[in-house]
Amino acid sequence: MVLLEGIALGWILIVMGALLLLFEVHSPGFFATVPATVLIILGVLLLLGVDIFNSGWGVVVGVIIALCAAGLTVLMYGRITPNESPTTISRDSLIGKEGQVIKQIDATTINGKVVIASTEWSAHSTGSIIPTGKTVRVVDSEGVHIVVEEVN
């Protein structure tokens, strides 16, 4: 009867680990892979007959394997995630930068478009109409758009 209880508990741990892995696939970034891996390994140990709960050696083996699994999972996560932090650009950080007009700009509307550092921005000019293809410099930012002037 004790063996049957260990087998049942082993399967329960494996199923719980598998459910956590499914949750991780559905909602990445929760970091459920580490406990999922540990649960699956502990479940397999129970199915193999290692008494991880009542034996001193079982606890030691279980903890060592769980720590190795957690370490390997963290190492794998570190290898698959990018090392650079995301690039953030605010309108205010664009002041002084130059870009290319891709849709004509005028002083009265924000329908004009400028590309600066491969990002498209809505823009209006300081006064004159600036045609497509011209180079402009950002002089200010207002609300959700930038103010530009033509570079001569």
N, C-alpha and C. Protein backbone atom coordinates (compact mmCIF):
# COMPACT_ATOMS: atom_id res chain seq x y z
N MET A 1 0.82 -1.20 0.00
CA MET A 1 0.00 0.00 0.00
C MET A 1 0.87 1.26 0.00
N VAL A 2 2.03 1.21 0.72
CA VAL A 2 2.93 2.36 0.77
C VAL A 2 3.50 2.62 -0.62
N LEU A 3 3.85 1.58 -1.38
CA LEU A 3 4.38 1.73 -2.73
C LEU A 3 3.34 2.38 -3.63
N LEU A 4 2.09 1.97 -3.50
CA LEU A 4 1.02 2.53 -4.31
C LEU A 4 0.84 4.03 -4.00
N GLU A 5 0.98 4.41 -2.73
CA GLU A 5 0.86 5.81 -2.37
C GLU A 5 2.00 6.63 -2.97
N GLY A 6 3.22 6.09 -2.99
CA GLY A 6 4.37 6.77 -3.60
C GLY A 6 4.18 6.94 -5.09
N ILE A 7 3.65 5.92 -5.74
CA ILE A 7 3.41 5.99 -7.18
C ILE A 7 2.33 7.04 -7.47
N ALA A 8 1.26 7.02 -6.69
CA ALA A 8 0.19 8.00 -6.90
C ALA A 8 0.72 9.41 -6.67
N LEU A 9 1.49 9.61 -5.62
CA LEU A 9 2.05 10.93 -5.35
C LEU A 9 3.03 11.34 -6.45
N GLY A 10 3.79 10.38 -6.96
CA GLY A 10 4.71 10.66 -8.06
C GLY A 10 3.97 11.18 -9.28
N TRP A 11 2.87 10.51 -9.63
CA TRP A 11 2.08 10.95 -10.78
C TRP A 11 1.43 12.31 -10.53
N ILE A 12 1.00 12.53 -9.31
CA ILE A 12 0.40 13.83 -8.98
C ILE A 12 1.43 14.94 -9.16
N LEU A 13 2.67 14.72 -8.69
CA LEU A 13 3.71 15.73 -8.85
C LEU A 13 4.04 15.96 -10.32
N ILE A 14 4.10 14.89 -11.11
CA ILE A 14 4.39 15.03 -12.54
C ILE A 14 3.28 15.81 -13.24
N VAL A 15 2.04 15.50 -12.93
CA VAL A 15 0.91 16.21 -13.55
C VAL A 15 0.92 17.69 -13.14
N MET A 16 1.20 17.95 -11.87
CA MET A 16 1.27 19.34 -11.42
C MET A 16 2.39 20.09 -12.15
N GLY A 17 3.54 19.44 -12.32
CA GLY A 17 4.65 20.05 -13.06
C GLY A 17 4.28 20.31 -14.51
N ALA A 18 3.59 19.34 -15.13
CA ALA A 18 3.17 19.52 -16.52
C ALA A 18 2.17 20.67 -16.65
N LEU A 19 1.27 20.79 -15.69
CA LEU A 19 0.30 21.89 -15.72
C LEU A 19 1.01 23.25 -15.59
N LEU A 20 2.02 23.30 -14.73
CA LEU A 20 2.79 24.55 -14.60
C LEU A 20 3.53 24.88 -15.89
N LEU A 21 4.06 23.85 -16.58
CA LEU A 21 4.72 24.08 -17.86
C LEU A 21 3.73 24.60 -18.90
N LEU A 22 2.53 24.04 -18.91
CA LEU A 22 1.50 24.53 -19.83
C LEU A 22 1.14 25.99 -19.52
N PHE A 23 1.06 26.30 -18.23
CA PHE A 23 0.79 27.68 -17.83
C PHE A 23 1.90 28.61 -18.32
N GLU A 24 3.15 28.15 -18.21
CA GLU A 24 4.29 28.95 -18.66
C GLU A 24 4.23 29.18 -20.17
N VAL A 25 3.83 28.17 -20.92
CA VAL A 25 3.71 28.32 -22.37
C VAL A 25 2.61 29.32 -22.70
N HIS A 26 1.52 29.26 -21.97
CA HIS A 26 0.39 30.16 -22.22
C HIS A 26 0.69 31.59 -21.78
N SER A 27 1.43 31.75 -20.69
CA SER A 27 1.73 33.07 -20.14
C SER A 27 3.22 33.16 -19.83
N PRO A 28 4.07 33.35 -20.86
CA PRO A 28 5.52 33.37 -20.64
C PRO A 28 5.95 34.49 -19.70
N GLY A 29 7.03 34.23 -18.98
CA GLY A 29 7.57 35.24 -18.09
C GLY A 29 7.17 35.04 -16.65
N PHE A 30 6.25 34.15 -16.39
CA PHE A 30 5.82 33.89 -15.02
C PHE A 30 6.90 33.14 -14.26
N PHE A 31 7.84 32.53 -14.98
CA PHE A 31 8.95 31.77 -14.42
C PHE A 31 8.47 30.53 -13.68
N ALA A 32 7.42 29.92 -14.19
CA ALA A 32 6.89 28.69 -13.60
C ALA A 32 7.69 27.47 -14.02
N THR A 33 8.65 27.63 -14.92
CA THR A 33 9.42 26.49 -15.40
C THR A 33 10.27 25.87 -14.29
N VAL A 34 10.81 26.69 -13.42
CA VAL A 34 11.66 26.15 -12.35
C VAL A 34 10.88 25.24 -11.41
N PRO A 35 9.77 25.70 -10.81
CA PRO A 35 9.03 24.77 -9.95
C PRO A 35 8.44 23.60 -10.73
N ALA A 36 8.08 23.82 -11.99
CA ALA A 36 7.54 22.72 -12.80
C ALA A 36 8.58 21.64 -12.99
N THR A 37 9.80 22.03 -13.32
CA THR A 37 10.88 21.06 -13.50
C THR A 37 11.16 20.31 -12.21
N VAL A 38 11.19 21.01 -11.12
CA VAL A 38 11.44 20.38 -9.82
C VAL A 38 10.33 19.37 -9.50
N LEU A 39 9.08 19.75 -9.70
CA LEU A 39 7.97 18.83 -9.42
C LEU A 39 8.05 17.58 -10.30
N ILE A 40 8.37 17.75 -11.56
CA ILE A 40 8.46 16.60 -12.46
C ILE A 40 9.59 15.67 -12.02
N ILE A 41 10.74 16.22 -11.69
CA ILE A 41 11.87 15.38 -11.27
C ILE A 41 11.55 14.67 -9.96
N LEU A 42 10.95 15.37 -9.01
CA LEU A 42 10.57 14.71 -7.75
C LEU A 42 9.54 13.61 -8.00
N GLY A 43 8.60 13.85 -8.90
CA GLY A 43 7.62 12.82 -9.25
C GLY A 43 8.26 11.61 -9.88
N VAL A 44 9.23 11.83 -10.78
CA VAL A 44 9.94 10.70 -11.39
C VAL A 44 10.72 9.93 -10.34
N LEU A 45 11.36 10.62 -9.40
CA LEU A 45 12.08 9.94 -8.33
C LEU A 45 11.14 9.05 -7.51
N LEU A 46 9.95 9.56 -7.20
CA LEU A 46 8.98 8.75 -6.47
C LEU A 46 8.56 7.52 -7.28
N LEU A 47 8.37 7.69 -8.58
CA LEU A 47 7.99 6.56 -9.43
C LEU A 47 9.10 5.53 -9.51
N LEU A 48 10.34 5.97 -9.42
CA LEU A 48 11.47 5.04 -9.45
C LEU A 48 11.72 4.37 -8.10
N GLY A 49 10.96 4.74 -7.10
CA GLY A 49 11.07 4.09 -5.80
C GLY A 49 11.97 4.78 -4.81
N VAL A 50 12.48 5.95 -5.14
CA VAL A 50 13.31 6.70 -4.19
C VAL A 50 12.37 7.37 -3.20
N ASP A 51 12.53 7.00 -1.94
CA ASP A 51 11.65 7.53 -0.91
C ASP A 51 12.21 8.88 -0.45
N ILE A 52 11.80 9.94 -1.12
CA ILE A 52 12.39 11.25 -0.86
C ILE A 52 11.85 11.91 0.40
N PHE A 53 10.80 11.37 0.96
CA PHE A 53 10.20 12.01 2.14
C PHE A 53 10.57 11.34 3.46
N ASN A 54 10.81 10.04 3.46
CA ASN A 54 11.03 9.33 4.71
C ASN A 54 12.48 8.90 4.92
N SER A 55 13.32 9.08 3.95
CA SER A 55 14.71 8.66 4.06
C SER A 55 15.60 9.88 4.01
N GLY A 56 16.66 9.87 4.82
CA GLY A 56 17.61 10.98 4.81
C GLY A 56 18.27 11.12 3.45
N TRP A 57 18.66 9.98 2.88
CA TRP A 57 19.29 10.03 1.55
C TRP A 57 18.30 10.47 0.49
N GLY A 58 17.07 10.07 0.64
CA GLY A 58 16.05 10.48 -0.33
C GLY A 58 15.87 11.98 -0.36
N VAL A 59 15.88 12.59 0.83
CA VAL A 59 15.76 14.05 0.92
C VAL A 59 16.98 14.71 0.29
N VAL A 60 18.17 14.18 0.60
CA VAL A 60 19.40 14.76 0.05
C VAL A 60 19.41 14.66 -1.47
N VAL A 61 19.10 13.47 -2.00
CA VAL A 61 19.07 13.26 -3.45
C VAL A 61 18.01 14.15 -4.08
N GLY A 62 16.84 14.20 -3.49
CA GLY A 62 15.76 15.03 -4.03
C GLY A 62 16.13 16.50 -4.07
N VAL A 63 16.72 17.01 -3.00
CA VAL A 63 17.10 18.42 -2.95
C VAL A 63 18.22 18.71 -3.95
N ILE A 64 19.21 17.82 -4.05
CA ILE A 64 20.31 18.04 -5.00
C ILE A 64 19.79 18.05 -6.43
N ILE A 65 18.95 17.10 -6.78
CA ILE A 65 18.40 17.05 -8.13
C ILE A 65 17.51 18.26 -8.39
N ALA A 66 16.72 18.65 -7.41
CA ALA A 66 15.85 19.82 -7.58
C ALA A 66 16.68 21.08 -7.78
N LEU A 67 17.76 21.26 -7.01
CA LEU A 67 18.62 22.42 -7.17
C LEU A 67 19.32 22.42 -8.53
N CYS A 68 19.78 21.25 -8.97
CA CYS A 68 20.40 21.15 -10.30
C CYS A 68 19.39 21.51 -11.39
N ALA A 69 18.18 21.00 -11.27
CA ALA A 69 17.15 21.30 -12.26
C ALA A 69 16.83 22.78 -12.27
N ALA A 70 16.72 23.38 -11.09
CA ALA A 70 16.44 24.82 -11.01
C ALA A 70 17.58 25.62 -11.62
N GLY A 71 18.82 25.25 -11.30
CA GLY A 71 19.98 25.94 -11.85
C GLY A 71 20.04 25.84 -13.36
N LEU A 72 19.81 24.64 -13.90
CA LEU A 72 19.81 24.47 -15.36
C LEU A 72 18.69 25.26 -16.02
N THR A 73 17.54 25.31 -15.39
CA THR A 73 16.42 26.07 -15.95
C THR A 73 16.75 27.56 -15.98
N VAL A 74 17.32 28.07 -14.91
CA VAL A 74 17.71 29.48 -14.86
C VAL A 74 18.79 29.76 -15.90
N LEU A 75 19.75 28.85 -16.05
CA LEU A 75 20.80 29.01 -17.06
C LEU A 75 20.21 29.05 -18.46
N MET A 76 19.27 28.17 -18.75
CA MET A 76 18.63 28.14 -20.07
C MET A 76 17.84 29.42 -20.31
N TYR A 77 17.12 29.90 -19.31
CA TYR A 77 16.40 31.17 -19.44
C TYR A 77 17.38 32.30 -19.74
N GLY A 78 18.53 32.30 -19.07
CA GLY A 78 19.53 33.33 -19.31
C GLY A 78 20.08 33.30 -20.72
N ARG A 79 20.18 32.13 -21.30
CA ARG A 79 20.71 32.01 -22.66
C ARG A 79 19.70 32.42 -23.73
N ILE A 80 18.42 32.23 -23.47
CA ILE A 80 17.43 32.52 -24.51
C ILE A 80 16.89 33.94 -24.43
N THR A 81 17.17 34.65 -23.34
CA THR A 81 16.69 36.03 -23.24
C THR A 81 17.75 36.99 -23.74
N PRO A 82 17.34 38.07 -24.39
CA PRO A 82 18.32 39.05 -24.90
C PRO A 82 19.02 39.76 -23.76
N ASN A 83 20.27 40.13 -23.99
CA ASN A 83 21.07 40.78 -22.95
C ASN A 83 20.89 42.29 -22.91
N GLU A 84 20.42 42.87 -24.00
CA GLU A 84 20.30 44.32 -24.00
C GLU A 84 18.95 44.74 -23.42
N SER A 85 18.95 45.91 -22.81
CA SER A 85 17.70 46.43 -22.29
C SER A 85 16.94 47.09 -23.45
N PRO A 86 15.63 47.15 -23.33
CA PRO A 86 14.84 47.70 -24.43
C PRO A 86 15.17 49.17 -24.67
N THR A 87 15.11 49.54 -25.92
CA THR A 87 15.36 50.92 -26.31
C THR A 87 14.11 51.74 -26.06
N THR A 88 14.27 52.84 -25.39
CA THR A 88 13.14 53.73 -25.17
C THR A 88 13.48 55.09 -25.76
N ILE A 89 12.54 55.63 -26.49
CA ILE A 89 12.71 56.95 -27.09
C ILE A 89 11.52 57.80 -26.68
N SER A 90 11.80 58.94 -26.12
CA SER A 90 10.72 59.87 -25.80
C SER A 90 10.83 61.05 -26.75
N ARG A 91 9.76 61.77 -26.86
CA ARG A 91 9.76 62.94 -27.74
C ARG A 91 10.84 63.93 -27.31
N ASP A 92 10.98 64.14 -26.00
CA ASP A 92 11.95 65.12 -25.50
C ASP A 92 13.39 64.72 -25.82
N SER A 93 13.67 63.43 -25.89
CA SER A 93 15.04 63.00 -26.19
C SER A 93 15.38 63.17 -27.66
N LEU A 94 14.40 63.52 -28.49
CA LEU A 94 14.64 63.70 -29.92
C LEU A 94 15.11 65.11 -30.26
N ILE A 95 14.98 66.05 -29.35
CA ILE A 95 15.34 67.44 -29.65
C ILE A 95 16.81 67.51 -30.08
N GLY A 96 17.01 68.11 -31.26
CA GLY A 96 18.35 68.22 -31.84
C GLY A 96 18.67 67.13 -32.85
N LYS A 97 17.91 66.05 -32.88
CA LYS A 97 18.17 64.96 -33.82
C LYS A 97 17.60 65.31 -35.19
N GLU A 98 18.20 64.69 -36.20
CA GLU A 98 17.75 64.92 -37.57
C GLU A 98 17.04 63.70 -38.11
N GLY A 99 16.12 63.95 -39.05
CA GLY A 99 15.37 62.87 -39.65
C GLY A 99 14.94 63.23 -41.06
N GLN A 100 14.20 62.34 -41.69
CA GLN A 100 13.76 62.48 -43.07
C GLN A 100 12.25 62.63 -43.11
N VAL A 101 11.74 63.59 -43.88
CA VAL A 101 10.31 63.80 -44.05
C VAL A 101 9.78 62.71 -44.98
N ILE A 102 8.74 61.98 -44.54
CA ILE A 102 8.14 60.96 -45.41
C ILE A 102 6.72 61.35 -45.84
N LYS A 103 6.16 62.37 -45.20
CA LYS A 103 4.88 62.94 -45.61
C LYS A 103 4.95 64.44 -45.33
N GLN A 104 4.61 65.23 -46.33
CA GLN A 104 4.76 66.69 -46.26
C GLN A 104 4.31 67.26 -44.91
N ILE A 105 5.11 68.23 -44.43
CA ILE A 105 4.87 68.84 -43.11
C ILE A 105 4.51 70.30 -43.31
N ASP A 106 3.55 70.77 -42.53
CA ASP A 106 3.24 72.21 -42.51
C ASP A 106 3.09 72.66 -41.06
N ALA A 107 2.83 73.94 -40.87
CA ALA A 107 2.77 74.51 -39.52
C ALA A 107 1.41 74.40 -38.87
N THR A 108 0.36 74.05 -39.63
CA THR A 108 -1.00 74.10 -39.09
C THR A 108 -1.56 72.76 -38.64
N THR A 109 -1.02 71.65 -39.14
CA THR A 109 -1.54 70.33 -38.77
C THR A 109 -0.42 69.41 -38.30
N ILE A 110 -0.78 68.30 -37.71
CA ILE A 110 0.22 67.30 -37.33
C ILE A 110 0.12 66.08 -38.25
N ASN A 111 -0.36 66.30 -39.46
CA ASN A 111 -0.48 65.20 -40.42
C ASN A 111 0.86 64.82 -41.04
N GLY A 112 1.86 65.68 -40.93
CA GLY A 112 3.18 65.38 -41.48
C GLY A 112 3.84 64.24 -40.73
N LYS A 113 4.74 63.54 -41.43
CA LYS A 113 5.44 62.41 -40.81
C LYS A 113 6.93 62.53 -41.05
N VAL A 114 7.69 62.20 -40.02
CA VAL A 114 9.15 62.23 -40.06
C VAL A 114 9.66 60.89 -39.53
N VAL A 115 10.72 60.38 -40.14
CA VAL A 115 11.38 59.18 -39.62
C VAL A 115 12.69 59.60 -38.98
N ILE A 116 12.83 59.27 -37.69
CA ILE A 116 14.04 59.55 -36.94
C ILE A 116 14.47 58.25 -36.28
N ALA A 117 15.69 57.82 -36.58
CA ALA A 117 16.23 56.57 -36.01
C ALA A 117 15.26 55.41 -36.23
N SER A 118 14.76 55.29 -37.45
CA SER A 118 13.85 54.23 -37.92
C SER A 118 12.49 54.21 -37.21
N THR A 119 12.14 55.29 -36.52
CA THR A 119 10.84 55.41 -35.88
C THR A 119 10.08 56.57 -36.52
N GLU A 120 8.80 56.32 -36.83
CA GLU A 120 7.98 57.35 -37.47
C GLU A 120 7.29 58.22 -36.41
N TRP A 121 7.32 59.55 -36.64
CA TRP A 121 6.73 60.51 -35.71
C TRP A 121 5.81 61.47 -36.46
N SER A 122 4.70 61.85 -35.82
CA SER A 122 3.86 62.91 -36.36
C SER A 122 4.56 64.23 -36.06
N ALA A 123 4.47 65.16 -37.03
CA ALA A 123 5.21 66.41 -36.85
C ALA A 123 4.51 67.59 -37.51
N HIS A 124 4.85 68.78 -37.04
CA HIS A 124 4.49 70.01 -37.74
C HIS A 124 5.73 70.89 -37.76
N SER A 125 5.75 71.84 -38.68
CA SER A 125 6.94 72.67 -38.85
C SER A 125 6.84 73.94 -38.02
N THR A 126 7.94 74.68 -37.99
CA THR A 126 7.98 75.95 -37.26
C THR A 126 7.33 77.07 -38.05
N GLY A 127 6.99 76.82 -39.30
CA GLY A 127 6.34 77.88 -40.07
C GLY A 127 6.16 77.56 -41.54
N SER A 128 7.14 76.98 -42.16
CA SER A 128 7.07 76.76 -43.60
C SER A 128 6.63 75.33 -43.93
N ILE A 129 6.22 75.14 -45.18
CA ILE A 129 5.88 73.79 -45.66
C ILE A 129 7.19 73.09 -46.02
N ILE A 130 7.34 71.85 -45.53
CA ILE A 130 8.55 71.07 -45.81
C ILE A 130 8.13 69.84 -46.62
N PRO A 131 8.59 69.72 -47.85
CA PRO A 131 8.17 68.60 -48.70
C PRO A 131 8.83 67.27 -48.33
N THR A 132 8.24 66.20 -48.84
CA THR A 132 8.75 64.85 -48.63
C THR A 132 10.19 64.76 -49.15
N GLY A 133 11.02 64.03 -48.41
CA GLY A 133 12.41 63.80 -48.82
C GLY A 133 13.40 64.76 -48.19
N LYS A 134 12.95 65.85 -47.61
CA LYS A 134 13.85 66.83 -47.00
C LYS A 134 14.34 66.35 -45.63
N THR A 135 15.50 66.85 -45.24
CA THR A 135 16.06 66.55 -43.93
C THR A 135 15.60 67.63 -42.96
N VAL A 136 15.17 67.22 -41.77
CA VAL A 136 14.69 68.15 -40.76
C VAL A 136 15.38 67.89 -39.43
N ARG A 137 15.33 68.88 -38.55
CA ARG A 137 15.87 68.77 -37.19
C ARG A 137 14.75 69.04 -36.21
N VAL A 138 14.69 68.26 -35.13
CA VAL A 138 13.66 68.42 -34.10
C VAL A 138 14.05 69.60 -33.23
N VAL A 139 13.09 70.55 -33.06
CA VAL A 139 13.35 71.72 -32.22
C VAL A 139 12.52 71.72 -30.94
N ASP A 140 11.43 70.93 -30.93
CA ASP A 140 10.57 70.90 -29.74
C ASP A 140 9.65 69.70 -29.82
N SER A 141 8.96 69.41 -28.73
CA SER A 141 7.92 68.38 -28.72
C SER A 141 6.69 68.98 -28.04
N GLU A 142 5.53 68.66 -28.61
CA GLU A 142 4.27 69.19 -28.08
C GLU A 142 3.25 68.07 -28.07
N GLY A 143 2.78 67.73 -26.91
CA GLY A 143 1.78 66.68 -26.83
C GLY A 143 2.29 65.37 -27.39
N VAL A 144 1.64 64.89 -28.46
CA VAL A 144 2.00 63.59 -29.02
C VAL A 144 2.77 63.71 -30.33
N HIS A 145 3.29 64.90 -30.62
CA HIS A 145 4.02 65.09 -31.88
C HIS A 145 5.27 65.94 -31.62
N ILE A 146 6.08 66.06 -32.69
CA ILE A 146 7.29 66.85 -32.59
C ILE A 146 7.21 68.06 -33.52
N VAL A 147 8.02 69.08 -33.23
CA VAL A 147 8.11 70.28 -34.05
C VAL A 147 9.49 70.26 -34.71
N VAL A 148 9.49 70.46 -36.04
CA VAL A 148 10.74 70.35 -36.78
C VAL A 148 10.96 71.59 -37.64
N GLU A 149 12.23 71.75 -38.05
CA GLU A 149 12.61 72.78 -39.00
C GLU A 149 13.50 72.14 -40.05
N GLU A 150 13.45 72.70 -41.26
CA GLU A 150 14.25 72.14 -42.35
C GLU A 150 15.73 72.44 -42.11
N VAL A 151 16.57 71.44 -42.43
CA VAL A 151 18.02 71.61 -42.33
C VAL A 151 18.51 72.06 -43.70
N ASN A 152 19.24 73.15 -43.77
CA ASN A 152 19.73 73.65 -45.07
C ASN A 152 21.08 73.08 -45.41
